[in-house]
Amino acid sequence: MKKIEEYVRSIPDFPEPGIIFRDVTSILQDADGFALAVDSMQALLDGVEVDVIAGAESRGFIFGAPIAYNLHKPFVLIRKKGKLPCETIESSYDLEYGSATIEMHKDAVTPGQKVVLVDDLIATGGTIEATARMVEELGGKVVKIITLMELEGLNGRKRLKDYDVASVICYEGK
């Protein structure tokens, strides 16, 4: 069986010169790669007590939903502003190339629930940090943050220093 790194397509100079884009679509397009990615991420939760899995739009949905299904846990959607139909809370953050606002339903997490945050990638850590702030605002406790990939050169883990963070693959650069 191939290692998960072998399924990741690296695209130089995208979206700008000097950046190597780590593409997850090459993982998703291969059934073995997708299964390995989900299984590898889920393995990062061994021994973690969890009540809820939350995933950030859109790739956090792709990896978080099957993990929630496998663990028989509820799945919470973290969406871009204006996409959720019920009463929401929001959090804004900076990206490596701009800024964004995300939302979650106000009733998605209840006080005391143990929440795992899932996304495909930690770059600057802005999306996950904003998600964690919302979970905590609702009284939930972030017990773990898991991602498939991490770009160590963008120092996102420093921003998330107060959380238990684990990534399947860590790339040294940006």
Protein backbone atom coordinates (compact mmCIF):
# COMPACT_ATOMS: atom_id res chain seq x y z
CA MET A 1 0.00 0.00 0.00
CA LYS A 2 1.17 3.52 -0.78
CA LYS A 3 1.93 6.08 1.91
CA ILE A 4 -0.52 8.98 2.16
CA GLU A 5 2.17 11.43 1.00
CA GLU A 6 2.29 9.59 -2.33
CA TYR A 7 -1.33 10.52 -3.03
CA VAL A 8 -0.79 14.27 -2.53
CA ARG A 9 -0.21 16.20 -5.74
CA SER A 10 2.18 19.15 -5.28
CA ILE A 11 1.68 22.06 -7.67
CA PRO A 12 4.52 24.61 -7.76
CA ASP A 13 3.86 28.35 -8.07
CA PHE A 14 0.13 28.17 -7.26
CA PRO A 15 -1.62 30.44 -6.38
CA GLU A 16 1.49 32.62 -6.65
CA PRO A 17 5.20 32.18 -7.41
CA GLY A 18 7.17 30.45 -4.66
CA ILE A 19 4.17 28.62 -3.19
CA ILE A 20 3.79 24.84 -3.48
CA PHE A 21 0.07 24.01 -3.41
CA ARG A 22 -0.68 20.67 -1.71
CA ASP A 23 -3.71 19.33 -3.58
CA VAL A 24 -6.10 16.95 -1.79
CA THR A 25 -8.16 16.22 -4.91
CA SER A 26 -5.59 13.64 -5.94
CA ILE A 27 -6.28 11.82 -2.66
CA LEU A 28 -10.04 12.01 -3.10
CA GLN A 29 -9.90 10.71 -6.67
CA ASP A 30 -8.36 7.44 -5.50
CA ALA A 31 -10.52 5.18 -3.31
CA ASP A 32 -7.47 3.76 -1.52
CA GLY A 33 -6.03 7.23 -0.97
CA PHE A 34 -9.30 8.57 0.41
CA ALA A 35 -9.73 5.59 2.74
CA LEU A 36 -6.13 5.93 3.92
CA ALA A 37 -6.58 9.65 4.57
CA VAL A 38 -9.77 9.17 6.62
CA ASP A 39 -8.33 6.19 8.52
CA SER A 40 -5.06 8.05 9.24
CA MET A 41 -6.90 11.10 10.53
CA GLN A 42 -9.26 9.01 12.62
CA ALA A 43 -6.27 7.17 14.14
CA LEU A 44 -5.16 10.52 15.58
CA LEU A 45 -8.25 10.31 17.81
CA ASP A 46 -7.31 7.02 19.48
CA GLY A 47 -7.90 7.46 23.20
CA VAL A 48 -9.64 10.84 22.79
CA GLU A 49 -13.05 11.20 24.42
CA VAL A 50 -15.27 13.08 21.96
CA ASP A 51 -18.94 14.05 21.78
CA VAL A 52 -19.02 16.04 18.51
CA ILE A 53 -16.96 16.31 15.33
CA ALA A 54 -16.91 19.74 13.64
CA GLY A 55 -15.57 20.40 10.15
CA ALA A 56 -14.80 23.64 8.34
CA GLU A 57 -16.16 24.25 4.85
CA SER A 58 -15.52 22.56 2.57
CA ARG A 59 -12.69 20.10 2.90
CA GLY A 60 -13.30 19.73 6.63
CA PHE A 61 -16.70 18.33 5.60
CA ILE A 62 -15.06 15.81 3.28
CA PHE A 63 -12.82 14.37 6.00
CA GLY A 64 -14.86 15.14 9.11
CA ALA A 65 -18.16 13.59 8.02
CA PRO A 66 -16.80 10.06 7.46
CA ILE A 67 -14.91 10.24 10.76
CA ALA A 68 -18.11 11.30 12.56
CA TYR A 69 -19.97 8.48 10.82
CA ASN A 70 -17.33 5.90 11.77
CA LEU A 71 -17.37 7.03 15.40
CA HIS A 72 -21.17 7.38 15.45
CA LYS A 73 -20.92 11.03 16.55
CA PRO A 74 -22.84 14.11 15.41
CA PHE A 75 -21.21 16.30 12.76
CA VAL A 76 -21.29 20.11 12.94
CA LEU A 77 -20.92 22.23 9.82
CA ILE A 78 -18.72 25.32 9.96
CA ARG A 79 -19.75 27.41 6.94
CA LYS A 80 -18.95 30.65 5.21
CA LYS A 81 -21.06 33.57 6.41
CA GLY A 82 -24.64 33.56 5.12
CA LYS A 83 -24.88 29.85 4.26
CA LEU A 84 -26.60 28.45 7.36
CA PRO A 85 -30.40 28.80 7.72
CA CYS A 86 -30.85 29.01 11.51
CA GLU A 87 -29.56 31.41 14.15
CA THR A 88 -25.75 31.51 14.04
CA ILE A 89 -22.66 32.83 15.72
CA GLU A 90 -19.71 34.03 13.65
CA SER A 91 -15.98 34.52 13.80
CA SER A 92 -13.70 36.44 11.44
CA TYR A 93 -10.06 35.67 10.76
CA ASP A 94 -7.16 36.37 8.43
CA LEU A 95 -6.04 33.89 5.79
CA GLU A 96 -2.64 33.77 4.16
CA TYR A 97 -4.21 35.59 1.17
CA GLY A 98 -7.04 37.67 2.69
CA SER A 99 -9.75 37.46 5.36
CA ALA A 100 -12.98 35.54 5.90
CA THR A 101 -15.93 35.09 8.26
CA ILE A 102 -17.34 31.70 9.21
CA GLU A 103 -20.47 30.72 11.10
CA MET A 104 -22.01 27.83 12.94
CA HIS A 105 -25.52 27.23 14.25
CA LYS A 106 -26.00 28.57 17.75
CA ASP A 107 -27.41 25.22 18.89
CA ALA A 108 -24.69 23.06 17.24
CA VAL A 109 -22.64 22.62 20.41
CA THR A 110 -23.93 22.58 23.97
CA PRO A 111 -22.02 23.52 27.12
CA GLY A 112 -19.59 20.84 28.25
CA GLN A 113 -19.49 18.91 24.97
CA LYS A 114 -16.07 17.63 23.91
CA VAL A 115 -15.44 18.72 20.33
CA VAL A 116 -12.87 17.60 17.76
CA LEU A 117 -12.15 20.05 14.93
CA VAL A 118 -11.32 18.60 11.50
CA ASP A 119 -9.88 20.27 8.42
CA ASP A 120 -7.68 19.26 5.53
CA LEU A 121 -4.88 21.71 6.22
CA ILE A 122 -3.30 23.97 8.80
CA ALA A 123 -1.61 26.90 7.10
CA THR A 124 -1.72 30.06 9.23
CA GLY A 125 -4.21 28.41 11.62
CA GLY A 126 -6.83 31.13 11.14
CA THR A 127 -9.77 28.93 10.15
CA ILE A 128 -9.28 26.44 12.96
CA GLU A 129 -8.64 29.16 15.54
CA ALA A 130 -11.87 30.94 14.51
CA THR A 131 -13.75 27.64 14.71
CA ALA A 132 -12.35 26.92 18.18
CA ARG A 133 -13.43 30.39 19.37
CA MET A 134 -17.02 29.67 18.28
CA VAL A 135 -17.08 26.25 19.96
CA GLU A 136 -15.81 27.82 23.17
CA GLU A 137 -18.30 30.69 22.92
CA LEU A 138 -21.07 28.07 22.97
CA GLY A 139 -19.51 26.39 26.03
CA GLY A 140 -17.92 23.45 24.23
CA LYS A 141 -14.38 22.23 24.87
CA VAL A 142 -12.02 21.65 21.96
CA VAL A 143 -10.34 18.37 22.91
CA LYS A 144 -8.35 17.87 19.68
CA ILE A 145 -7.67 19.46 16.32
CA ILE A 146 -6.82 17.08 13.48
CA THR A 147 -5.80 17.80 9.92
CA LEU A 148 -4.50 15.80 7.02
CA MET A 149 -1.69 18.25 6.22
CA GLU A 150 0.21 21.04 7.93
CA LEU A 151 2.42 23.70 6.36
CA GLU A 152 4.96 24.23 9.14
CA GLY A 153 6.52 27.25 7.41
CA LEU A 154 3.35 29.30 7.99
CA ASN A 155 3.51 28.75 11.79
CA GLY A 156 -0.17 27.91 12.25
CA ARG A 157 0.64 25.63 15.17
CA LYS A 158 1.95 28.64 17.16
CA ARG A 159 -1.45 30.27 16.79
CA LEU A 160 -3.03 27.04 18.09
CA LYS A 161 -0.58 26.55 20.98
CA ASP A 162 -3.40 26.19 23.53
CA TYR A 163 -4.85 23.15 21.74
CA ASP A 164 -3.91 19.52 21.16
CA VAL A 165 -3.08 19.57 17.43
CA ALA A 166 -2.15 16.60 15.24
CA SER A 167 -1.56 16.35 11.51
CA VAL A 168 -1.00 13.26 9.40
CA ILE A 169 1.53 14.98 7.09
CA CYS A 170 3.77 17.95 7.97
CA TYR A 171 5.49 19.89 5.19
CA GLU A 172 8.44 22.10 6.19
CA GLY A 173 7.71 24.97 3.81
CA LYS A 174 4.76 27.07 2.83
